[in-house]
Protein backbone atom coordinates (compact mmCIF):
# COMPACT_ATOMS: atom_id res chain seq x y z
CA MET A 1 19.21 6.12 -18.18
CA LYS A 2 20.51 5.51 -14.70
CA GLN A 3 18.03 4.24 -12.13
CA LEU A 4 18.16 2.94 -8.44
CA ILE A 5 16.19 -0.29 -8.46
CA LEU A 6 15.87 -3.57 -6.65
CA GLY A 7 17.81 -6.71 -7.81
CA ASN A 8 14.60 -8.33 -8.82
CA GLU A 9 13.39 -5.31 -10.78
CA ALA A 10 16.75 -5.32 -12.48
CA VAL A 11 16.31 -8.87 -13.68
CA ALA A 12 12.86 -8.01 -14.96
CA ARG A 13 14.36 -5.04 -16.93
CA GLY A 14 17.08 -7.30 -18.27
CA LEU A 15 14.43 -9.82 -19.39
CA TYR A 16 12.61 -6.98 -21.21
CA GLU A 17 15.68 -5.54 -22.86
CA ALA A 18 16.75 -8.97 -24.05
CA GLY A 19 13.48 -9.45 -25.84
CA CYS A 20 11.86 -11.98 -23.60
CA SER A 21 8.26 -12.35 -24.66
CA PHE A 22 6.83 -15.07 -22.39
CA VAL A 23 7.07 -15.36 -18.53
CA SER A 24 5.43 -17.91 -16.34
CA SER A 25 6.25 -18.25 -12.62
CA TYR A 26 4.94 -19.25 -9.28
CA PRO A 27 5.41 -16.57 -6.51
CA GLY A 28 7.98 -17.37 -3.97
CA THR A 29 9.99 -15.08 -1.74
CA PRO A 30 12.60 -13.75 -2.59
CA SER A 31 11.83 -14.20 -6.30
CA THR A 32 8.27 -12.90 -6.54
CA GLU A 33 9.03 -9.34 -7.72
CA ILE A 34 10.75 -10.30 -10.93
CA THR A 35 7.46 -11.62 -12.43
CA GLU A 36 5.47 -8.68 -10.93
CA ALA A 37 7.84 -6.20 -12.41
CA VAL A 38 8.10 -7.70 -15.81
CA ALA A 39 4.33 -8.01 -16.13
CA LYS A 40 4.36 -4.24 -16.36
CA TYR A 41 5.98 -4.26 -19.71
CA PRO A 42 3.16 -4.68 -22.35
CA GLU A 43 5.52 -6.31 -24.75
CA VAL A 44 5.88 -9.31 -22.39
CA TYR A 45 3.17 -11.93 -21.77
CA ALA A 46 3.38 -12.85 -18.11
CA GLU A 47 1.37 -15.17 -15.93
CA TRP A 48 1.15 -16.96 -12.48
CA ALA A 49 1.25 -20.62 -13.04
CA PRO A 50 -0.27 -23.10 -10.55
CA ASN A 51 3.17 -24.46 -9.61
CA GLU A 52 6.76 -24.19 -10.66
CA LYS A 53 6.80 -27.47 -12.68
CA VAL A 54 4.02 -26.04 -14.88
CA ALA A 55 5.76 -22.67 -15.14
CA MET A 56 8.99 -24.30 -16.36
CA GLU A 57 7.17 -26.52 -18.89
CA ALA A 58 5.26 -23.48 -20.19
CA ALA A 59 8.42 -21.62 -20.55
CA PHE A 60 9.99 -24.52 -22.42
CA GLY A 61 6.91 -24.52 -24.78
CA ALA A 62 7.45 -20.85 -25.52
CA SER A 63 11.13 -21.49 -26.22
CA LEU A 64 10.26 -24.42 -28.57
CA ALA A 65 8.11 -22.02 -30.49
CA GLY A 66 11.11 -19.68 -31.01
CA ARG A 67 10.37 -17.07 -28.35
CA ARG A 68 12.69 -15.99 -25.55
CA SER A 69 11.11 -17.16 -22.21
CA PHE A 70 11.61 -17.03 -18.53
CA CYS A 71 10.29 -18.91 -15.50
CA GLY A 72 11.00 -17.69 -11.92
CA MET A 73 10.82 -19.46 -8.53
CA LYS A 74 12.49 -19.67 -5.13
CA HIS A 75 15.00 -22.40 -4.13
CA VAL A 76 12.51 -24.91 -2.97
CA GLY A 77 10.34 -24.21 -6.08
CA LEU A 78 13.20 -25.61 -8.12
CA ASN A 79 12.60 -28.89 -6.43
CA VAL A 80 9.17 -29.00 -7.75
CA ALA A 81 10.46 -28.14 -11.31
CA ALA A 82 13.35 -30.58 -11.18
CA ASP A 83 11.72 -33.08 -13.42
CA PRO A 84 11.54 -31.02 -16.57
CA LEU A 85 14.79 -29.24 -15.61
CA PHE A 86 16.88 -32.30 -16.11
CA THR A 87 15.34 -33.28 -19.41
CA ILE A 88 15.27 -29.85 -20.88
CA SER A 89 19.14 -29.88 -20.36
CA TYR A 90 19.14 -32.83 -22.81
CA THR A 91 16.76 -31.27 -25.47
CA GLY A 92 18.26 -27.84 -25.34
CA VAL A 93 16.23 -24.84 -26.60
CA ASN A 94 15.17 -22.99 -29.66
CA GLY A 95 14.41 -19.46 -28.39
CA GLY A 96 16.59 -18.47 -25.35
CA MET A 97 15.25 -19.94 -21.98
CA VAL A 98 16.18 -18.46 -18.58
CA ILE A 99 15.24 -19.90 -15.27
CA GLY A 100 15.35 -17.57 -12.34
CA VAL A 101 15.95 -19.25 -8.93
CA ALA A 102 16.29 -17.20 -5.74
CA ASP A 103 17.98 -18.77 -2.68
CA ASP A 104 17.19 -17.79 0.94
CA ALA A 105 20.39 -18.10 3.09
CA GLY A 106 19.21 -17.29 6.49
CA MET A 107 15.79 -18.72 5.88
CA HIS A 108 14.01 -15.35 6.19
CA SER A 109 10.87 -16.88 4.58
CA SER A 110 11.77 -20.48 3.82
CA GLN A 111 11.58 -24.00 5.34
CA ASN A 112 15.16 -24.92 4.52
CA GLU A 113 18.55 -23.34 3.30
CA GLN A 114 19.38 -25.51 0.32
CA ASP A 115 21.95 -24.18 -2.19
CA SER A 116 20.70 -24.17 -5.70
CA ARG A 117 24.13 -24.19 -7.20
CA HIS A 118 24.15 -28.03 -6.83
CA TYR A 119 21.22 -28.18 -9.42
CA ALA A 120 23.26 -26.60 -12.03
CA ARG A 121 26.01 -29.19 -11.51
CA ALA A 122 23.66 -32.10 -11.33
CA ALA A 123 21.49 -30.92 -14.37
CA LYS A 124 24.62 -29.78 -16.25
CA ILE A 125 23.16 -26.44 -17.02
CA PRO A 126 25.15 -23.13 -16.83
CA MET A 127 24.29 -20.80 -13.89
CA LEU A 128 25.06 -17.12 -13.62
CA GLU A 129 25.19 -15.40 -10.21
CA PRO A 130 24.90 -11.67 -10.04
CA SER A 131 26.07 -9.68 -6.94
CA ASP A 132 24.10 -6.41 -7.46
CA SER A 133 21.29 -4.86 -9.44
CA ALA A 134 23.59 -3.79 -12.27
CA GLU A 135 24.85 -7.31 -12.72
CA ALA A 136 21.23 -8.78 -12.41
CA LEU A 137 20.26 -6.69 -15.43
CA ALA A 138 23.41 -7.50 -17.38
CA PHE A 139 23.49 -11.22 -16.40
CA ALA A 140 19.77 -11.72 -17.42
CA LYS A 141 20.71 -10.28 -20.94
CA LEU A 142 23.79 -12.38 -21.17
CA ALA A 143 21.83 -15.61 -20.06
CA TYR A 144 19.87 -15.35 -23.25
CA GLU A 145 22.89 -14.99 -25.38
CA LEU A 146 24.43 -18.09 -23.73
CA SER A 147 21.22 -20.02 -23.96
CA GLU A 148 21.08 -19.65 -27.73
CA GLN A 149 24.85 -19.92 -28.26
CA PHE A 150 25.30 -23.14 -26.42
CA ASP A 151 21.76 -24.55 -26.99
CA THR A 152 20.88 -24.78 -23.29
CA PRO A 153 18.61 -23.36 -20.65
CA VAL A 154 20.45 -21.11 -18.35
CA LEU A 155 19.89 -20.71 -14.54
CA LEU A 156 20.09 -17.22 -13.09
CA LYS A 157 20.70 -17.49 -9.32
CA MET A 158 19.59 -14.64 -7.06
CA CYS A 159 19.43 -14.53 -3.33
CA THR A 160 17.49 -12.61 -0.68
CA ARG A 161 20.20 -9.85 -0.29
CA VAL A 162 20.60 -9.32 -4.07
CA SER A 163 16.89 -9.52 -4.88
CA HIS A 164 15.79 -7.03 -2.14
CA SER A 165 18.64 -4.54 -2.17
CA GLN A 166 18.89 -1.57 -4.42
CA SER A 167 21.77 -0.27 -6.43
CA VAL A 168 22.27 1.74 -9.61
CA VAL A 169 21.61 0.34 -13.11
CA GLU A 170 21.82 1.82 -16.55
CA THR A 171 18.84 0.77 -18.72
CA GLY A 172 18.94 0.32 -22.48
CA GLU A 173 16.57 -0.43 -25.30
CA ARG A 174 14.68 -3.57 -26.07
CA VAL A 175 15.73 -5.89 -28.89
CA GLU A 176 13.22 -8.31 -30.58
CA CYS A 177 14.40 -11.96 -30.91
CA VAL A 178 12.20 -14.53 -32.64
CA LYS A 179 13.24 -17.89 -34.06
CA GLU A 180 11.41 -20.09 -36.47
CA TYR A 181 9.94 -23.31 -35.10
CA LYS A 182 11.25 -26.34 -36.91
CA LYS A 183 10.10 -29.91 -36.08
CA ASP A 184 13.03 -32.02 -34.74
CA ILE A 185 12.03 -35.29 -33.31
CA PRO A 186 15.55 -36.50 -32.41
CA LYS A 187 16.20 -33.28 -30.50
CA TYR A 188 12.96 -32.67 -28.72
CA VAL A 189 11.32 -36.10 -28.20
CA MET A 190 13.11 -37.68 -25.18
CA MET A 191 12.35 -41.35 -25.54
CA PRO A 192 15.31 -43.54 -24.74
CA GLY A 193 16.67 -43.99 -28.12
CA ASN A 194 16.81 -40.11 -28.72
CA ALA A 195 17.88 -39.32 -25.13
CA LYS A 196 20.99 -41.61 -25.40
CA LYS A 197 22.16 -39.55 -28.36
CA ARG A 198 21.64 -36.25 -26.59
CA HIS A 199 23.63 -37.12 -23.53
CA PRO A 200 26.96 -36.87 -25.35
CA VAL A 201 25.73 -33.47 -26.70
CA VAL A 202 25.34 -32.26 -23.21
CA GLU A 203 28.73 -33.47 -22.10
CA ALA A 204 30.36 -31.73 -25.12
CA ARG A 205 28.42 -28.53 -24.29
CA THR A 206 29.86 -28.53 -20.68
CA LYS A 207 33.39 -28.69 -22.11
CA ALA A 208 32.54 -25.81 -24.46
CA LEU A 209 31.07 -23.89 -21.46
CA ILE A 210 34.22 -24.43 -19.40
CA ALA A 211 36.30 -23.01 -22.20
CA TYR A 212 33.98 -19.95 -22.23
CA ALA A 213 34.32 -19.70 -18.42
CA GLU A 214 38.13 -19.29 -18.68
CA GLU A 215 37.82 -16.18 -20.78
CA ALA A 216 34.41 -14.77 -19.64
CA ALA A 217 34.63 -11.16 -18.46
CA ILE A 218 32.09 -12.04 -15.61
CA ASN A 219 34.84 -14.19 -14.08
CA ARG A 220 37.43 -11.53 -13.29
CA VAL A 221 40.55 -11.06 -11.23
CA GLU A 222 40.75 -7.79 -9.24
CA SER A 223 44.23 -6.98 -8.15
CA GLY A 224 45.30 -6.33 -4.52
CA LYS A 225 48.19 -4.85 -2.56
CA ASN A 226 49.02 -7.99 -0.64
CA ASN A 227 49.25 -11.40 -2.18
CA ALA A 228 49.52 -13.16 1.22
CA ILE A 229 45.83 -14.07 0.71
CA GLY A 230 43.95 -14.60 -2.52
CA ILE A 231 40.14 -14.70 -2.22
CA ILE A 232 37.68 -16.52 -4.57
CA THR A 233 34.09 -15.48 -4.03
CA SER A 234 30.70 -14.65 -5.66
CA SER A 235 27.32 -13.16 -5.21
CA THR A 236 26.74 -11.23 -1.76
CA SER A 237 29.93 -12.73 -0.40
CA TYR A 238 31.86 -10.68 -2.98
CA GLN A 239 30.20 -7.52 -1.66
CA TYR A 240 31.16 -8.32 1.91
CA VAL A 241 34.71 -9.11 0.86
CA LYS A 242 35.15 -5.87 -0.90
CA GLU A 243 33.51 -3.89 1.87
CA VAL A 244 35.83 -5.11 4.57
CA CYS A 245 39.04 -5.66 2.50
CA GLY A 246 38.80 -3.05 -0.21
CA ASP A 247 41.82 -3.64 -2.51
CA THR A 248 43.99 -5.19 0.19
CA TYR A 249 43.92 -8.70 -1.37
CA PRO A 250 43.46 -9.95 -4.83
CA VAL A 251 40.03 -11.37 -5.54
CA LEU A 252 38.79 -13.69 -8.22
CA LYS A 253 35.12 -12.68 -8.50
CA ILE A 254 33.03 -15.54 -10.11
CA GLY A 255 29.98 -14.51 -12.17
CA MET A 256 29.44 -17.83 -13.93
CA ILE A 257 29.12 -20.25 -10.91
CA TRP A 258 28.77 -23.33 -13.10
CA PRO A 259 30.62 -24.63 -14.95
CA LEU A 260 33.53 -23.13 -13.17
CA PRO A 261 36.85 -22.23 -14.92
CA GLU A 262 39.78 -24.50 -14.18
CA GLU A 263 43.01 -22.79 -15.56
CA LYS A 264 41.79 -19.46 -14.33
CA ILE A 265 41.57 -20.64 -10.89
CA ARG A 266 44.90 -22.52 -11.00
CA GLN A 267 46.63 -19.50 -12.17
CA PHE A 268 45.01 -17.27 -9.57
CA ALA A 269 46.01 -19.80 -6.80
CA ALA A 270 49.55 -19.77 -8.11
CA SER A 271 49.73 -15.96 -7.75
CA VAL A 272 48.92 -15.91 -4.00
CA ASP A 273 50.46 -17.44 -0.87
CA ARG A 274 47.16 -18.60 0.56
CA LEU A 275 43.81 -19.37 -1.17
CA VAL A 276 40.69 -18.63 0.64
CA VAL A 277 37.06 -19.19 -0.68
CA VAL A 278 34.34 -16.92 0.81
CA GLU A 279 30.94 -18.23 -0.10
CA GLU A 280 27.54 -18.66 1.61
CA LEU A 281 26.02 -22.07 2.48
CA ASP A 282 27.80 -25.07 0.96
CA GLY A 283 31.49 -25.29 -0.11
CA PHE A 284 30.62 -25.30 -3.79
CA ILE A 285 33.55 -23.35 -5.10
CA GLU A 286 35.84 -24.79 -2.48
CA SER A 287 34.99 -28.38 -3.58
CA HIS A 288 35.82 -27.48 -7.14
CA CYS A 289 39.23 -26.02 -6.00
CA ARG A 290 40.03 -29.18 -4.13
CA ASP A 291 39.05 -31.26 -7.14
CA LEU A 292 41.72 -29.28 -9.08
CA GLY A 293 44.23 -30.37 -6.59
CA LEU A 294 44.57 -26.96 -4.78
CA THR A 295 44.87 -26.34 -1.15
CA CYS A 296 42.45 -23.80 0.18
CA THR A 297 40.58 -22.54 3.20
CA GLY A 298 36.64 -22.25 3.00
CA LYS A 299 34.12 -23.97 5.18
CA SER A 300 36.61 -24.58 7.92
CA GLU A 301 36.34 -20.81 8.47
CA PHE A 302 33.03 -19.70 6.95
CA SER A 303 29.99 -21.72 8.26
CA CYS A 304 27.66 -23.59 5.82
CA ILE A 305 24.71 -22.41 8.20
CA ASP A 306 23.01 -19.01 7.75
CA GLU A 307 24.07 -15.89 6.01
CA LEU A 308 27.49 -14.29 5.95
CA MET A 309 27.89 -10.92 7.49
CA PRO A 310 30.67 -8.30 6.84
CA LEU A 311 31.70 -8.69 10.52
CA THR A 312 32.12 -12.37 10.05
CA VAL A 313 34.27 -12.00 6.96
CA ALA A 314 36.34 -9.30 8.57
CA ALA A 315 36.95 -11.55 11.69
CA LYS A 316 37.97 -14.53 9.66
CA LEU A 317 40.26 -12.63 7.34
CA ALA A 318 41.86 -10.83 10.39
CA THR A 319 40.98 -7.54 8.65
CA PRO A 320 40.22 -4.51 10.95
CA TRP A 321 36.80 -3.16 9.97
CA GLN A 322 34.46 -0.78 11.81
CA THR A 323 30.82 -0.23 10.95
CA GLY A 324 30.42 2.94 13.05
CA ILE A 325 27.31 1.48 14.38
CA LYS A 326 26.92 0.10 17.82
CA LEU A 327 23.73 -1.26 19.53
CA GLU A 328 23.99 -0.98 23.33
CA ASP A 329 20.76 -2.86 23.96
CA VAL A 330 19.83 -6.41 23.19
CA ILE A 331 17.08 -6.30 20.53
CA PRO A 332 14.02 -8.23 21.83
CA PRO A 333 12.88 -11.09 19.58
CA ARG A 334 9.95 -10.50 17.38
CA PRO A 335 8.39 -13.69 16.35
CA PRO A 336 5.94 -13.55 13.43
CA VAL A 337 2.32 -13.73 14.16
CA MET A 338 -0.94 -13.78 12.02
CA CYS A 339 -2.30 -10.31 11.48
CA ALA A 340 -5.15 -8.86 13.35
CA GLY A 341 -8.36 -10.16 11.92
CA CYS A 342 -6.58 -13.00 10.05
CA PRO A 343 -9.32 -15.54 9.14
CA HIS A 344 -7.07 -18.49 10.05
CA ARG A 345 -6.97 -17.52 13.77
CA GLY A 346 -10.39 -18.74 14.70
CA LEU A 347 -9.93 -22.06 12.83
CA PHE A 348 -6.64 -22.82 14.57
CA TYR A 349 -8.08 -21.88 17.95
CA THR A 350 -10.92 -24.35 17.47
CA LEU A 351 -8.46 -27.03 16.32
CA LYS A 352 -6.29 -26.46 19.40
CA LYS A 353 -9.35 -26.35 21.78
CA ASN A 354 -10.32 -29.79 20.45
CA LYS A 355 -6.82 -31.21 20.68
CA ILE A 356 -6.78 -32.14 17.10
CA THR A 357 -3.56 -33.24 15.32
CA VAL A 358 -2.93 -30.85 12.49
CA LEU A 359 -0.56 -31.54 9.43
CA GLY A 360 0.18 -28.11 8.08
CA ASP A 361 1.47 -26.65 4.96
CA ILE A 362 3.30 -23.74 3.44
CA GLY A 363 1.60 -20.27 3.74
CA CYS A 364 0.53 -17.61 6.23
CA TYR A 365 -1.35 -20.34 8.14
CA THR A 366 1.94 -21.95 8.93
CA LEU A 367 1.90 -19.51 11.76
CA GLY A 368 -0.73 -21.62 13.46
CA ALA A 369 2.28 -23.35 14.91
CA VAL A 370 3.29 -20.27 16.79
CA ALA A 371 2.23 -19.75 20.48
CA PRO A 372 -0.27 -19.33 21.96
CA LEU A 373 -2.16 -21.30 19.25
CA SER A 374 0.63 -23.92 18.78
CA ALA A 375 -1.89 -25.88 16.64
CA VAL A 376 0.21 -27.36 13.93
CA ASP A 377 2.17 -30.66 14.22
CA SER A 378 4.16 -30.83 10.96
CA VAL A 379 5.09 -28.64 8.02
CA ILE A 380 7.17 -30.06 5.21
CA CYS A 381 6.58 -28.61 1.85
CA MET A 382 3.86 -27.42 -0.59
CA GLY A 383 1.09 -29.97 -0.63
CA ALA A 384 2.61 -32.36 1.88
CA SER A 385 -0.18 -31.74 4.43
CA VAL A 386 -2.80 -33.69 2.28
CA SER A 387 -0.37 -36.57 1.23
CA GLY A 388 0.99 -36.76 4.75
CA LEU A 389 -2.52 -36.96 6.21
CA HIS A 390 -3.27 -39.96 4.08
CA GLY A 391 -0.16 -41.73 5.19
CA PHE A 392 -0.79 -40.69 8.87
CA SER A 393 -4.29 -42.02 8.84
CA LYS A 394 -3.59 -45.29 6.89
CA SER A 395 -0.57 -46.11 9.18
CA GLN A 396 -2.69 -45.64 12.24
CA GLN A 397 -5.23 -48.09 10.93
CA GLY A 398 -8.16 -45.75 11.94
CA ALA A 399 -6.84 -45.14 15.57
CA MET A 400 -6.73 -41.38 14.95
CA ASP A 401 -9.21 -40.88 12.10
CA GLY A 402 -11.56 -38.79 14.20
CA ASN A 403 -8.75 -36.51 15.48
CA THR A 404 -6.46 -35.55 12.55
CA VAL A 405 -6.87 -33.06 9.82
CA ALA A 406 -4.79 -31.48 7.07
CA VAL A 407 -4.78 -27.66 6.71
CA ILE A 408 -3.71 -26.21 3.34
CA GLY A 409 -4.24 -22.82 1.69
CA ASP A 410 -6.27 -22.25 -1.46
CA SER A 411 -3.15 -21.29 -3.57
CA THR A 412 -1.11 -24.12 -2.14
CA PHE A 413 -3.96 -26.58 -2.78
CA MET A 414 -3.90 -25.63 -6.44
CA HIS A 415 -0.15 -25.88 -6.40
CA SER A 416 0.19 -29.39 -5.22
CA GLY A 417 -2.57 -30.37 -2.91
CA ILE A 418 -5.05 -31.68 -5.60
CA THR A 419 -3.01 -34.75 -6.31
CA GLY A 420 -2.84 -35.65 -2.63
CA LEU A 421 -6.72 -35.25 -2.37
CA VAL A 422 -6.99 -37.58 -5.42
CA ASN A 423 -4.96 -40.04 -3.61
CA MET A 424 -7.08 -39.76 -0.53
CA ALA A 425 -10.26 -40.44 -2.57
CA TYR A 426 -8.76 -43.21 -4.72
CA ASN A 427 -7.27 -45.07 -1.64
CA GLU A 428 -10.23 -44.18 0.59
CA SER A 429 -8.66 -42.34 3.47
CA ASN A 430 -10.99 -41.73 6.31
CA ALA A 431 -9.72 -38.18 7.00
CA THR A 432 -10.56 -34.54 6.71
CA VAL A 433 -8.75 -31.93 4.69
CA ILE A 434 -9.35 -28.16 5.65
CA ILE A 435 -8.75 -25.66 2.77
CA VAL A 436 -8.20 -22.28 4.24
CA ASP A 437 -9.40 -20.05 1.38
CA ASN A 438 -8.42 -16.45 1.97
CA SER A 439 -9.11 -15.51 -1.66
CA ILE A 440 -5.48 -14.66 -2.43
CA THR A 441 -1.90 -15.96 -2.24
CA GLY A 442 -1.12 -14.23 0.99
CA MET A 443 2.27 -15.04 2.31
CA THR A 444 4.21 -13.75 -0.81
CA GLY A 445 2.33 -10.46 -0.95
CA HIS A 446 -1.15 -10.86 -2.39
CA GLN A 447 -0.69 -12.65 -5.83
CA GLN A 448 -3.65 -14.05 -7.66
CA ASN A 449 -4.16 -17.76 -8.19
CA PRO A 450 -6.53 -19.98 -10.09
CA THR A 451 -9.23 -19.73 -7.37
CA THR A 452 -9.59 -15.97 -7.29
CA GLY A 453 -10.93 -15.23 -10.82
CA PHE A 454 -8.18 -12.71 -11.77
CA ASN A 455 -4.82 -13.25 -13.55
CA LEU A 456 -1.45 -11.63 -12.85
CA LYS A 457 -2.43 -8.32 -14.37
CA GLY A 458 -5.73 -8.22 -12.50
CA ASP A 459 -7.88 -8.99 -15.46
CA PRO A 460 -10.99 -11.22 -14.90
CA CYS A 461 -10.40 -14.83 -15.94
CA ALA A 462 -11.70 -18.34 -15.33
CA LYS A 463 -12.28 -19.02 -11.55
CA ILE A 464 -11.73 -22.55 -10.20
CA ASP A 465 -14.55 -23.56 -7.88
CA LEU A 466 -12.98 -25.42 -4.99
CA GLU A 467 -16.28 -27.18 -4.04
CA THR A 468 -16.80 -28.42 -7.58
CA LEU A 469 -13.24 -29.46 -7.97
CA CYS A 470 -13.29 -31.52 -4.68
CA HIS A 471 -16.42 -33.20 -5.74
CA ALA A 472 -14.97 -33.93 -9.12
CA VAL A 473 -11.90 -35.88 -7.67
CA GLY A 474 -14.16 -38.08 -5.73
CA ILE A 475 -14.86 -36.24 -2.48
CA ARG A 476 -18.57 -36.52 -1.61
CA ARG A 477 -18.58 -34.57 1.62
CA VAL A 478 -17.64 -30.91 1.16
CA ARG A 479 -18.52 -28.14 3.64
CA VAL A 480 -17.97 -24.38 3.69
CA ILE A 481 -17.53 -22.52 7.00
CA ASP A 482 -16.87 -18.92 8.12
CA PRO A 483 -13.76 -19.02 10.47
CA TYR A 484 -14.99 -15.91 12.26
CA ASN A 485 -17.88 -18.08 13.58
CA LEU A 486 -16.33 -20.30 16.22
CA LYS A 487 -19.51 -22.22 16.94
CA GLU A 488 -19.92 -23.04 13.31
CA CYS A 489 -16.29 -24.02 13.04
CA GLU A 490 -16.35 -26.42 15.86
CA ALA A 491 -19.72 -28.08 14.95
CA VAL A 492 -18.69 -28.73 11.34
CA ILE A 493 -15.24 -30.04 12.17
CA LYS A 494 -16.70 -32.45 14.65
CA GLU A 495 -19.29 -33.63 12.19
CA GLU A 496 -16.75 -34.20 9.34
CA LEU A 497 -14.27 -35.92 11.69
CA ALA A 498 -17.05 -38.33 12.73
CA ALA A 499 -17.90 -39.22 9.15
CA ASN A 500 -16.70 -42.62 7.90
CA GLU A 501 -15.19 -41.28 4.58
CA PRO A 502 -12.79 -38.67 3.25
CA SER A 503 -14.15 -35.07 3.52
CA VAL A 504 -13.18 -31.43 2.81
CA ILE A 505 -13.95 -28.39 4.79
CA ILE A 506 -13.41 -25.02 3.08
CA SER A 507 -12.71 -22.34 5.73
CA ARG A 508 -13.61 -19.18 3.52
CA ARG A 509 -12.96 -15.62 4.56
CA PRO A 510 -10.82 -13.08 2.53
CA CYS A 511 -7.40 -11.88 3.92
CA ALA A 512 -7.96 -9.08 6.29
CA LEU A 513 -5.21 -7.06 4.41
CA LEU A 514 -6.92 -7.07 1.11
CA LYS A 515 -7.71 -3.41 0.21
CA TYR A 516 -11.31 -4.22 -0.96
CA VAL A 517 -12.16 -5.97 2.40
CA LYS A 518 -14.41 -3.85 4.64
CA HIS A 519 -13.98 -4.17 8.37
CA ASN A 520 -16.16 -3.48 11.27
CA ALA A 521 -15.44 -0.86 13.83
CA PRO A 522 -12.73 -1.77 16.34
CA LEU A 523 -13.91 -3.38 19.54
CA ALA A 524 -13.55 -1.70 22.94
CA VAL A 525 -13.19 -3.19 26.36
CA ASP A 526 -15.68 -2.46 29.20
CA THR A 527 -13.25 -2.40 32.12
CA ASP A 528 -16.01 -2.77 34.57
CA LYS A 529 -16.88 -6.16 33.12
CA CYS A 530 -13.30 -7.40 32.43
CA VAL A 531 -12.05 -9.63 35.20
CA GLY A 532 -8.52 -10.07 33.66
CA CYS A 533 -9.01 -13.73 32.89
CA LYS A 534 -6.95 -13.44 29.73
CA ALA A 535 -9.24 -15.84 27.66
CA CYS A 536 -9.07 -13.24 24.90
CA MET A 537 -5.25 -13.66 24.83
CA LYS A 538 -5.53 -17.27 23.84
CA ILE A 539 -6.00 -16.48 20.11
CA GLY A 540 -2.71 -14.51 19.97
CA CYS A 541 -4.21 -11.51 18.27
CA PRO A 542 -1.60 -8.61 18.13
CA ALA A 543 -4.47 -6.11 18.67
CA ILE A 544 -5.12 -7.36 22.20
CA SER A 545 -2.84 -6.87 25.20
CA ILE A 546 -3.12 -6.70 29.12
CA VAL A 547 -2.66 -3.47 30.77
CA ASP A 548 -3.00 -3.15 34.58
CA GLY A 549 -4.68 -6.42 34.70
CA LYS A 550 -7.38 -5.60 32.10
CA ALA A 551 -7.69 -6.36 28.43
CA LYS A 552 -6.86 -3.59 26.14
CA VAL A 553 -7.69 -3.33 22.46
CA ASP A 554 -5.39 -1.45 19.93
CA GLU A 555 -7.80 0.47 17.75
CA THR A 556 -5.22 0.95 15.11
CA LEU A 557 -4.88 -2.75 14.65
CA CYS A 558 -8.36 -4.21 15.36
CA VAL A 559 -10.74 -4.93 12.48
CA GLY A 560 -13.66 -5.86 14.50
CA CYS A 561 -13.68 -9.61 13.46
CA GLY A 562 -15.43 -10.44 16.71
CA VAL A 563 -13.48 -13.69 17.33
CA CYS A 564 -12.24 -12.42 20.74
CA GLU A 565 -15.67 -11.31 21.65
CA GLN A 566 -16.93 -14.85 21.34
CA LEU A 567 -14.25 -16.09 23.99
CA CYS A 568 -15.14 -13.46 26.61
CA LYS A 569 -17.66 -15.06 29.02
CA PHE A 570 -18.23 -11.74 30.80
CA GLY A 571 -19.20 -9.55 27.77
CA ALA A 572 -16.27 -7.21 28.27
CA LEU A 573 -15.34 -7.12 24.63
CA GLN A 574 -18.00 -5.16 22.70
CA SER A 575 -18.57 -2.72 19.84
CA PRO A 576 -17.69 0.92 20.82
CA LYS A 577 -21.47 1.78 20.89
CA GLU A 578 -22.17 -0.86 23.36
CA VAL A 579 -19.36 0.22 25.75
């Protein structure tokens, strides 16, 4: 049956059809929908893990037991899972194991623009790279075949444009694949004596995979009318090349991005006058071509920064191409902001008001760095706020103990904030961590996490109690506040910063966008009382604007949280009944 589906949904369908029975992932845009989609198949056990390292280790455990398994993450999540990744390359697998990683060229929702292809080469693991939904489905199935044929985990590399675009796929039936578990200490116990014997196995496997890459149908040559230029490309870059060039030039379309073929590339280069590599981010294919002794053009023409676009490809290849669409006006910038009623807004307003240094983390609350709040001083990676706070505090030798906090979300705290807090307790940091608990994993689209009491499928499960957990790792001072209450926020923050020991504040209020959260009536403005002082604008709420010198509330956005009401000294912001 033919269907029009997202690339991520196509991967999920491929996992299902291939007989995958175990999925463990951590949500991360643009990879999240793979796991959400596969969870809808009753034949597949699917879960959200606390972090990517746990997800990969769980998927390996399922593979060891003889089941086909999958773990999914975004590119920075692969950093977290790198430890097991490199060693699983040595052990190999039992049941097929596929690792989905989604890159984010253009940084639509990420803090860096790293190229995951380097992980495949460094870990000596094959990587497949689809360019549309049909290939996403087919490559997911092929990945399991390669995994079991070559005794290796296989990386399946997606990217934002493939993950979140739709194209036609043809679905098939599910196959069941189960292998028997057999104890094998030399293969699976990676102490030095065994690991030394496994490394030559990995090198031999790479040679065998190169031989496969030479003949693999997913590395294909598409003929062109003009051999003046020959283009090597993959993923979305392939789509742009075909869109602007059609069949003008011959194209070597790479589907297995590692290991790359050698003779196939040499033969293709010999058939054209000039070799051009079109790829996003780093010159990965280009470097391989140069290692083969070939002369080619790549990053000198196509930047290693940001996404490629069809217009860019057309310009660099001197190919006439018209979109038929022209924008006469300059599109105004639309910086991201926290939603109306976001529970983080009142907290960040209080931190800024008191000129507190804030080490931030990854989540919706990263937007606390955006004007007019501008309350966050640093954001690095998941969990870095807590660990960074400890180093900041210790290095200052107490000089800023009463004026510095870490802010981290509930899901991010479970992901990688706990160990930082253990370090603070163990090494006696005199600092305060604020856990912004909005009762969901918000930034990636409302996924459950260990603190919500529900699993991936929405079924009730064990709920981690943050207060008890913080006490258990050695933090004696743990306070809970409502971020809608600005006076309470300020009082508790000042008290904890004044304490001479590590402390935790849990700022607890559910995300305003959760469907079960009930809101108050939108506020209204008494124009007779409003003096146009703009105090209400200091919180950066999108529901508030200034029109004709007076505050105006957009009733379609306002949730009646009352934070702005607490800022108005003139009582101009009130409930509709009062007005």
